[in-house]
Amino acid sequence: MYVESQSLGVCYGMLGNNLPSPFQVISLYNSRNIRRVRVYDPNQDVFQAPRGSNIELMLGVLNSELKYVASSRENA
């Protein structure tokens, strides 16, 4: 017997016009059973919205910040 499980994740960008609120986005993700989200902007509203939703957040690092983050554990 071979059993495989996969989960779907999405990237959550904030560049654009007339974007839904973070709470509306999390509601949409929940309705589509999306459980993993990559965030590119450390925005407190985005961090607060998925509380209690079982959605995992991963904070992306800008290319311009990679060298700084990689230079030490304290920076990471």
PDB file of N, CA and C in Angstrom:
ATOM      1  N   MET A   1       0.840  -1.162   0.000  1.00  0.00           N
ATOM      2  CA  MET A   1       0.000   0.000   0.000  1.00  0.00           C
ATOM      3  C   MET A   1       0.893   1.235   0.000  1.00  0.00           C
ATOM      4  N   TYR A   2       0.612   2.182  -0.868  1.00  0.00           N
ATOM      5  CA  TYR A   2       1.362   3.430  -0.966  1.00  0.00           C
ATOM      6  C   TYR A   2       0.404   4.589  -0.734  1.00  0.00           C
ATOM      7  N   VAL A   3       0.702   5.365   0.270  1.00  0.00           N
ATOM      8  CA  VAL A   3      -0.148   6.504   0.591  1.00  0.00           C
ATOM      9  C   VAL A   3       0.698   7.761   0.510  1.00  0.00           C
ATOM     10  N   GLU A   4       0.192   8.752  -0.166  1.00  0.00           N
ATOM     11  CA  GLU A   4       0.915  10.010  -0.303  1.00  0.00           C
ATOM     12  C   GLU A   4      -0.017  11.158   0.064  1.00  0.00           C
ATOM     13  N   SER A   5       0.550  12.123   0.732  1.00  0.00           N
ATOM     14  CA  SER A   5      -0.225  13.293   1.116  1.00  0.00           C
ATOM     15  C   SER A   5       0.541  14.540   0.726  1.00  0.00           C
ATOM     16  N   GLN A   6      -0.145  15.488   0.181  1.00  0.00           N
ATOM     17  CA  GLN A   6       0.470  16.746  -0.189  1.00  0.00           C
ATOM     18  C   GLN A   6      -0.410  17.879   0.325  1.00  0.00           C
ATOM     19  N   SER A   7       0.226  18.993   0.592  1.00  0.00           N
ATOM     20  CA  SER A   7      -0.551  20.156   0.974  1.00  0.00           C
ATOM     21  C   SER A   7      -0.255  21.275  -0.005  1.00  0.00           C
ATOM     22  N   LEU A   8      -1.221  22.118  -0.177  1.00  0.00           N
ATOM     23  CA  LEU A   8      -1.119  23.216  -1.118  1.00  0.00           C
ATOM     24  C   LEU A   8      -0.726  24.475  -0.376  1.00  0.00           C
ATOM     25  N   GLY A   9       0.177  25.250  -0.955  1.00  0.00           N
ATOM     26  CA  GLY A   9       0.565  26.522  -0.382  1.00  0.00           C
ATOM     27  C   GLY A   9       0.491  27.603  -1.431  1.00  0.00           C
ATOM     28  N   VAL A  10       0.414  28.829  -0.986  1.00  0.00           N
ATOM     29  CA  VAL A  10       0.343  29.962  -1.906  1.00  0.00           C
ATOM     30  C   VAL A  10       1.278  31.067  -1.424  1.00  0.00           C
ATOM     31  N   CYS A  11       1.632  31.940  -2.336  1.00  0.00           N
ATOM     32  CA  CYS A  11       2.401  33.136  -2.007  1.00  0.00           C
ATOM     33  C   CYS A  11       1.424  34.296  -1.873  1.00  0.00           C
ATOM     34  N   TYR A  12       1.582  35.052  -0.818  1.00  0.00           N
ATOM     35  CA  TYR A  12       0.668  36.156  -0.519  1.00  0.00           C
ATOM     36  C   TYR A  12       1.418  37.462  -0.711  1.00  0.00           C
ATOM     37  N   GLY A  13       1.232  38.073  -1.870  1.00  0.00           N
ATOM     38  CA  GLY A  13       1.840  39.365  -2.160  1.00  0.00           C
ATOM     39  C   GLY A  13       0.874  40.491  -1.838  1.00  0.00           C
ATOM     40  N   MET A  14       1.431  41.659  -1.581  1.00  0.00           N
ATOM     41  CA  MET A  14       0.592  42.790  -1.191  1.00  0.00           C
ATOM     42  C   MET A  14       0.736  43.967  -2.148  1.00  0.00           C
ATOM     43  N   LEU A  15       1.334  43.727  -3.303  1.00  0.00           N
ATOM     44  CA  LEU A  15       1.474  44.798  -4.281  1.00  0.00           C
ATOM     45  C   LEU A  15       0.279  44.754  -5.216  1.00  0.00           C
ATOM     46  N   GLY A  16      -0.478  45.808  -5.262  1.00  0.00           N
ATOM     47  CA  GLY A  16      -1.642  45.849  -6.127  1.00  0.00           C
ATOM     48  C   GLY A  16      -2.651  46.870  -5.635  1.00  0.00           C
ATOM     49  N   ASN A  17      -3.723  46.988  -6.370  1.00  0.00           N
ATOM     50  CA  ASN A  17      -4.802  47.910  -6.044  1.00  0.00           C
ATOM     51  C   ASN A  17      -6.036  47.125  -5.620  1.00  0.00           C
ATOM     52  N   ASN A  18      -6.821  47.713  -4.732  1.00  0.00           N
ATOM     53  CA  ASN A  18      -8.109  47.150  -4.346  1.00  0.00           C
ATOM     54  C   ASN A  18      -7.985  45.708  -3.841  1.00  0.00           C
ATOM     55  N   LEU A  19      -6.970  45.460  -3.002  1.00  0.00           N
ATOM     56  CA  LEU A  19      -6.742  44.122  -2.466  1.00  0.00           C
ATOM     57  C   LEU A  19      -7.704  43.834  -1.320  1.00  0.00           C
ATOM     58  N   PRO A  20      -8.099  42.576  -1.153  1.00  0.00           N
ATOM     59  CA  PRO A  20      -8.945  42.226  -0.012  1.00  0.00           C
ATOM     60  C   PRO A  20      -8.154  42.355   1.285  1.00  0.00           C
ATOM     61  N   SER A  21      -8.855  42.490   2.397  1.00  0.00           N
ATOM     62  CA  SER A  21      -8.192  42.582   3.697  1.00  0.00           C
ATOM     63  C   SER A  21      -7.523  41.241   4.008  1.00  0.00           C
ATOM     64  N   PRO A  22      -6.519  41.241   4.899  1.00  0.00           N
ATOM     65  CA  PRO A  22      -5.903  39.972   5.288  1.00  0.00           C
ATOM     66  C   PRO A  22      -6.910  38.971   5.850  1.00  0.00           C
ATOM     67  N   PHE A  23      -7.917  39.441   6.574  1.00  0.00           N
ATOM     68  CA  PHE A  23      -8.929  38.528   7.118  1.00  0.00           C
ATOM     69  C   PHE A  23      -9.775  37.906   6.005  1.00  0.00           C
ATOM     70  N   GLN A  24     -10.056  38.666   4.955  1.00  0.00           N
ATOM     71  CA  GLN A  24     -10.786  38.113   3.805  1.00  0.00           C
ATOM     72  C   GLN A  24      -9.929  37.095   3.068  1.00  0.00           C
ATOM     73  N   VAL A  25      -8.640  37.366   2.976  1.00  0.00           N
ATOM     74  CA  VAL A  25      -7.724  36.434   2.308  1.00  0.00           C
ATOM     75  C   VAL A  25      -7.670  35.122   3.078  1.00  0.00           C
ATOM     76  N   ILE A  26      -7.540  35.195   4.397  1.00  0.00           N
ATOM     77  CA  ILE A  26      -7.488  33.975   5.205  1.00  0.00           C
ATOM     78  C   ILE A  26      -8.799  33.196   5.094  1.00  0.00           C
ATOM     79  N   SER A  27      -9.907  33.886   5.047  1.00  0.00           N
ATOM     80  CA  SER A  27     -11.198  33.220   4.858  1.00  0.00           C
ATOM     81  C   SER A  27     -11.231  32.472   3.524  1.00  0.00           C
ATOM     82  N   LEU A  28     -10.722  33.093   2.478  1.00  0.00           N
ATOM     83  CA  LEU A  28     -10.652  32.435   1.169  1.00  0.00           C
ATOM     84  C   LEU A  28      -9.749  31.214   1.234  1.00  0.00           C
ATOM     85  N   TYR A  29      -8.580  31.361   1.847  1.00  0.00           N
ATOM     86  CA  TYR A  29      -7.662  30.220   1.957  1.00  0.00           C
ATOM     87  C   TYR A  29      -8.307  29.074   2.729  1.00  0.00           C
ATOM     88  N   ASN A  30      -8.999  29.383   3.818  1.00  0.00           N
ATOM     89  CA  ASN A  30      -9.689  28.340   4.578  1.00  0.00           C
ATOM     90  C   ASN A  30     -10.741  27.643   3.728  1.00  0.00           C
ATOM     91  N   SER A  31     -11.476  28.403   2.942  1.00  0.00           N
ATOM     92  CA  SER A  31     -12.531  27.806   2.118  1.00  0.00           C
ATOM     93  C   SER A  31     -11.962  26.904   1.024  1.00  0.00           C
ATOM     94  N   ARG A  32     -10.695  27.130   0.677  1.00  0.00           N
ATOM     95  CA  ARG A  32     -10.035  26.321  -0.361  1.00  0.00           C
ATOM     96  C   ARG A  32      -9.058  25.306   0.235  1.00  0.00           C
ATOM     97  N   ASN A  33      -9.090  25.170   1.567  1.00  0.00           N
ATOM     98  CA  ASN A  33      -8.240  24.229   2.285  1.00  0.00           C
ATOM     99  C   ASN A  33      -6.746  24.479   2.030  1.00  0.00           C
ATOM    100  N   ILE A  34      -6.371  25.736   1.922  1.00  0.00           N
ATOM    101  CA  ILE A  34      -4.966  26.124   1.764  1.00  0.00           C
ATOM    102  C   ILE A  34      -4.396  26.294   3.157  1.00  0.00           C
ATOM    103  N   ARG A  35      -3.306  25.584   3.456  1.00  0.00           N
ATOM    104  CA  ARG A  35      -2.766  25.545   4.809  1.00  0.00           C
ATOM    105  C   ARG A  35      -1.367  26.136   4.945  1.00  0.00           C
ATOM    106  N   ARG A  36      -0.747  26.519   3.841  1.00  0.00           N
ATOM    107  CA  ARG A  36       0.600  27.097   3.904  1.00  0.00           C
ATOM    108  C   ARG A  36       0.646  28.364   3.062  1.00  0.00           C
ATOM    109  N   VAL A  37       1.209  29.425   3.667  1.00  0.00           N
ATOM    110  CA  VAL A  37       1.239  30.717   3.003  1.00  0.00           C
ATOM    111  C   VAL A  37       2.632  31.335   3.167  1.00  0.00           C
ATOM    112  N   ARG A  38       3.196  31.786   2.067  1.00  0.00           N
ATOM    113  CA  ARG A  38       4.452  32.541   2.115  1.00  0.00           C
ATOM    114  C   ARG A  38       4.107  34.021   2.047  1.00  0.00           C
ATOM    115  N   VAL A  39       4.624  34.769   2.999  1.00  0.00           N
ATOM    116  CA  VAL A  39       4.376  36.205   3.108  1.00  0.00           C
ATOM    117  C   VAL A  39       5.662  36.942   2.767  1.00  0.00           C
ATOM    118  N   TYR A  40       5.560  37.977   1.961  1.00  0.00           N
ATOM    119  CA  TYR A  40       6.741  38.737   1.562  1.00  0.00           C
ATOM    120  C   TYR A  40       6.899  40.045   2.310  1.00  0.00           C
ATOM    121  N   ASP A  41       5.865  40.491   2.963  1.00  0.00           N
ATOM    122  CA  ASP A  41       5.888  41.775   3.655  1.00  0.00           C
ATOM    123  C   ASP A  41       5.572  41.543   5.123  1.00  0.00           C
ATOM    124  N   PRO A  42       6.494  41.883   6.035  1.00  0.00           N
ATOM    125  CA  PRO A  42       6.214  41.666   7.454  1.00  0.00           C
ATOM    126  C   PRO A  42       5.179  42.659   7.977  1.00  0.00           C
ATOM    127  N   ASN A  43       3.949  42.421   7.645  1.00  0.00           N
ATOM    128  CA  ASN A  43       2.822  43.291   7.968  1.00  0.00           C
ATOM    129  C   ASN A  43       2.067  42.682   9.153  1.00  0.00           C
ATOM    130  N   GLN A  44       1.886  43.441  10.230  1.00  0.00           N
ATOM    131  CA  GLN A  44       1.240  42.912  11.442  1.00  0.00           C
ATOM    132  C   GLN A  44      -0.185  42.423  11.192  1.00  0.00           C
ATOM    133  N   ASP A  45      -0.939  43.095  10.336  1.00  0.00           N
ATOM    134  CA  ASP A  45      -2.305  42.634  10.032  1.00  0.00           C
ATOM    135  C   ASP A  45      -2.278  41.259   9.380  1.00  0.00           C
ATOM    136  N   VAL A  46      -1.313  41.029   8.507  1.00  0.00           N
ATOM    137  CA  VAL A  46      -1.188  39.728   7.841  1.00  0.00           C
ATOM    138  C   VAL A  46      -0.787  38.658   8.855  1.00  0.00           C
ATOM    139  N   PHE A  47       0.081  39.010   9.810  1.00  0.00           N
ATOM    140  CA  PHE A  47       0.486  38.044  10.830  1.00  0.00           C
ATOM    141  C   PHE A  47      -0.649  37.715  11.792  1.00  0.00           C
ATOM    142  N   GLN A  48      -1.523  38.664  12.068  1.00  0.00           N
ATOM    143  CA  GLN A  48      -2.624  38.450  13.011  1.00  0.00           C
ATOM    144  C   GLN A  48      -3.799  37.699  12.389  1.00  0.00           C
ATOM    145  N   ALA A  49      -4.032  37.884  11.113  1.00  0.00           N
ATOM    146  CA  ALA A  49      -5.225  37.329  10.454  1.00  0.00           C
ATOM    147  C   ALA A  49      -5.357  35.809  10.565  1.00  0.00           C
ATOM    148  N   PRO A  50      -4.296  35.025  10.432  1.00  0.00           N
ATOM    149  CA  PRO A  50      -4.487  33.566  10.467  1.00  0.00           C
ATOM    150  C   PRO A  50      -4.534  32.946  11.859  1.00  0.00           C
ATOM    151  N   ARG A  51      -4.521  33.747  12.906  1.00  0.00           N
ATOM    152  CA  ARG A  51      -4.585  33.168  14.257  1.00  0.00           C
ATOM    153  C   ARG A  51      -5.788  32.252  14.398  1.00  0.00           C
ATOM    154  N   GLY A  52      -5.523  31.035  14.872  1.00  0.00           N
ATOM    155  CA  GLY A  52      -6.579  30.055  15.094  1.00  0.00           C
ATOM    156  C   GLY A  52      -7.062  29.368  13.830  1.00  0.00           C
ATOM    157  N   SER A  53      -6.395  29.578  12.696  1.00  0.00           N
ATOM    158  CA  SER A  53      -6.881  29.030  11.431  1.00  0.00           C
ATOM    159  C   SER A  53      -6.144  27.770  10.983  1.00  0.00           C
ATOM    160  N   ASN A  54      -5.103  27.341  11.693  1.00  0.00           N
ATOM    161  CA  ASN A  54      -4.258  26.211  11.285  1.00  0.00           C
ATOM    162  C   ASN A  54      -3.523  26.466   9.974  1.00  0.00           C
ATOM    163  N   ILE A  55      -3.339  27.722   9.627  1.00  0.00           N
ATOM    164  CA  ILE A  55      -2.559  28.078   8.441  1.00  0.00           C
ATOM    165  C   ILE A  55      -1.144  28.411   8.890  1.00  0.00           C
ATOM    166  N   GLU A  56      -0.163  27.792   8.228  1.00  0.00           N
ATOM    167  CA  GLU A  56       1.242  28.039   8.526  1.00  0.00           C
ATOM    168  C   GLU A  56       1.732  29.217   7.696  1.00  0.00           C
ATOM    169  N   LEU A  57       2.462  30.122   8.337  1.00  0.00           N
ATOM    170  CA  LEU A  57       3.049  31.260   7.635  1.00  0.00           C
ATOM    171  C   LEU A  57       4.553  31.071   7.512  1.00  0.00           C
ATOM    172  N   MET A  58       5.082  31.456   6.370  1.00  0.00           N
ATOM    173  CA  MET A  58       6.519  31.484   6.164  1.00  0.00           C
ATOM    174  C   MET A  58       6.854  32.870   5.644  1.00  0.00           C
ATOM    175  N   LEU A  59       7.795  33.536   6.290  1.00  0.00           N
ATOM    176  CA  LEU A  59       8.178  34.881   5.878  1.00  0.00           C
ATOM    177  C   LEU A  59       9.301  34.790   4.863  1.00  0.00           C
ATOM    178  N   GLY A  60       9.045  35.300   3.656  1.00  0.00           N
ATOM    179  CA  GLY A  60      10.065  35.349   2.622  1.00  0.00           C
ATOM    180  C   GLY A  60      11.047  36.475   2.897  1.00  0.00           C
ATOM    181  N   VAL A  61      12.253  36.343   2.374  1.00  0.00           N
ATOM    182  CA  VAL A  61      13.295  37.352   2.539  1.00  0.00           C
ATOM    183  C   VAL A  61      13.575  37.967   1.175  1.00  0.00           C
ATOM    184  N   LEU A  62      13.618  39.293   1.141  1.00  0.00           N
ATOM    185  CA  LEU A  62      13.931  39.982  -0.108  1.00  0.00           C
ATOM    186  C   LEU A  62      15.359  39.665  -0.539  1.00  0.00           C
ATOM    187  N   ASN A  63      15.604  39.592  -1.832  1.00  0.00           N
ATOM    188  CA  ASN A  63      16.951  39.327  -2.333  1.00  0.00           C
ATOM    189  C   ASN A  63      17.960  40.324  -1.779  1.00  0.00           C
ATOM    190  N   SER A  64      17.548  41.563  -1.656  1.00  0.00           N
ATOM    191  CA  SER A  64      18.448  42.597  -1.154  1.00  0.00           C
ATOM    192  C   SER A  64      18.824  42.382   0.316  1.00  0.00           C
ATOM    193  N   GLU A  65      18.069  41.559   1.043  1.00  0.00           N
ATOM    194  CA  GLU A  65      18.328  41.289   2.456  1.00  0.00           C
ATOM    195  C   GLU A  65      19.019  39.951   2.703  1.00  0.00           C
ATOM    196  N   LEU A  66      19.176  39.120   1.665  1.00  0.00           N
ATOM    197  CA  LEU A  66      19.707  37.769   1.853  1.00  0.00           C
ATOM    198  C   LEU A  66      21.101  37.758   2.462  1.00  0.00           C
ATOM    199  N   LYS A  67      21.991  38.593   1.953  1.00  0.00           N
ATOM    200  CA  LYS A  67      23.367  38.607   2.459  1.00  0.00           C
ATOM    201  C   LYS A  67      23.378  38.959   3.941  1.00  0.00           C
ATOM    202  N   TYR A  68      22.609  39.948   4.331  1.00  0.00           N
ATOM    203  CA  TYR A  68      22.525  40.359   5.731  1.00  0.00           C
ATOM    204  C   TYR A  68      21.986  39.216   6.599  1.00  0.00           C
ATOM    205  N   VAL A  69      20.913  38.596   6.185  1.00  0.00           N
ATOM    206  CA  VAL A  69      20.286  37.519   6.967  1.00  0.00           C
ATOM    207  C   VAL A  69      21.224  36.327   7.076  1.00  0.00           C
ATOM    208  N   ALA A  70      21.927  36.009   5.994  1.00  0.00           N
ATOM    209  CA  ALA A  70      22.813  34.853   5.973  1.00  0.00           C
ATOM    210  C   ALA A  70      24.124  35.083   6.721  1.00  0.00           C
ATOM    211  N   SER A  71      24.434  36.310   7.075  1.00  0.00           N
ATOM    212  CA  SER A  71      25.730  36.614   7.682  1.00  0.00           C
ATOM    213  C   SER A  71      25.858  36.152   9.130  1.00  0.00           C
ATOM    214  N   SER A  72      24.741  35.969   9.838  1.00  0.00           N
ATOM    215  CA  SER A  72      24.812  35.490  11.215  1.00  0.00           C
ATOM    216  C   SER A  72      23.461  34.974  11.678  1.00  0.00           C
ATOM    217  N   ARG A  73      23.503  34.153  12.706  1.00  0.00           N
ATOM    218  CA  ARG A  73      22.250  33.634  13.290  1.00  0.00           C
ATOM    219  C   ARG A  73      21.439  34.739  13.917  1.00  0.00           C
ATOM    220  N   GLU A  74      22.120  35.710  14.492  1.00  0.00           N
ATOM    221  CA  GLU A  74      21.412  36.815  15.131  1.00  0.00           C
ATOM    222  C   GLU A  74      20.609  37.619  14.113  1.00  0.00           C
ATOM    223  N   ASN A  75      21.144  37.792  12.926  1.00  0.00           N
ATOM    224  CA  ASN A  75      20.435  38.532  11.883  1.00  0.00           C
ATOM    225  C   ASN A  75      19.249  37.747  11.353  1.00  0.00           C
ATOM    226  N   ALA A  76      19.367  36.429  11.352  1.00  0.00           N
ATOM    227  CA  ALA A  76      18.280  35.593  10.850  1.00  0.00           C
ATOM    228  C   ALA A  76      17.140  35.604  11.840  1.00  0.00           C
TER     229      ALA A  76
END
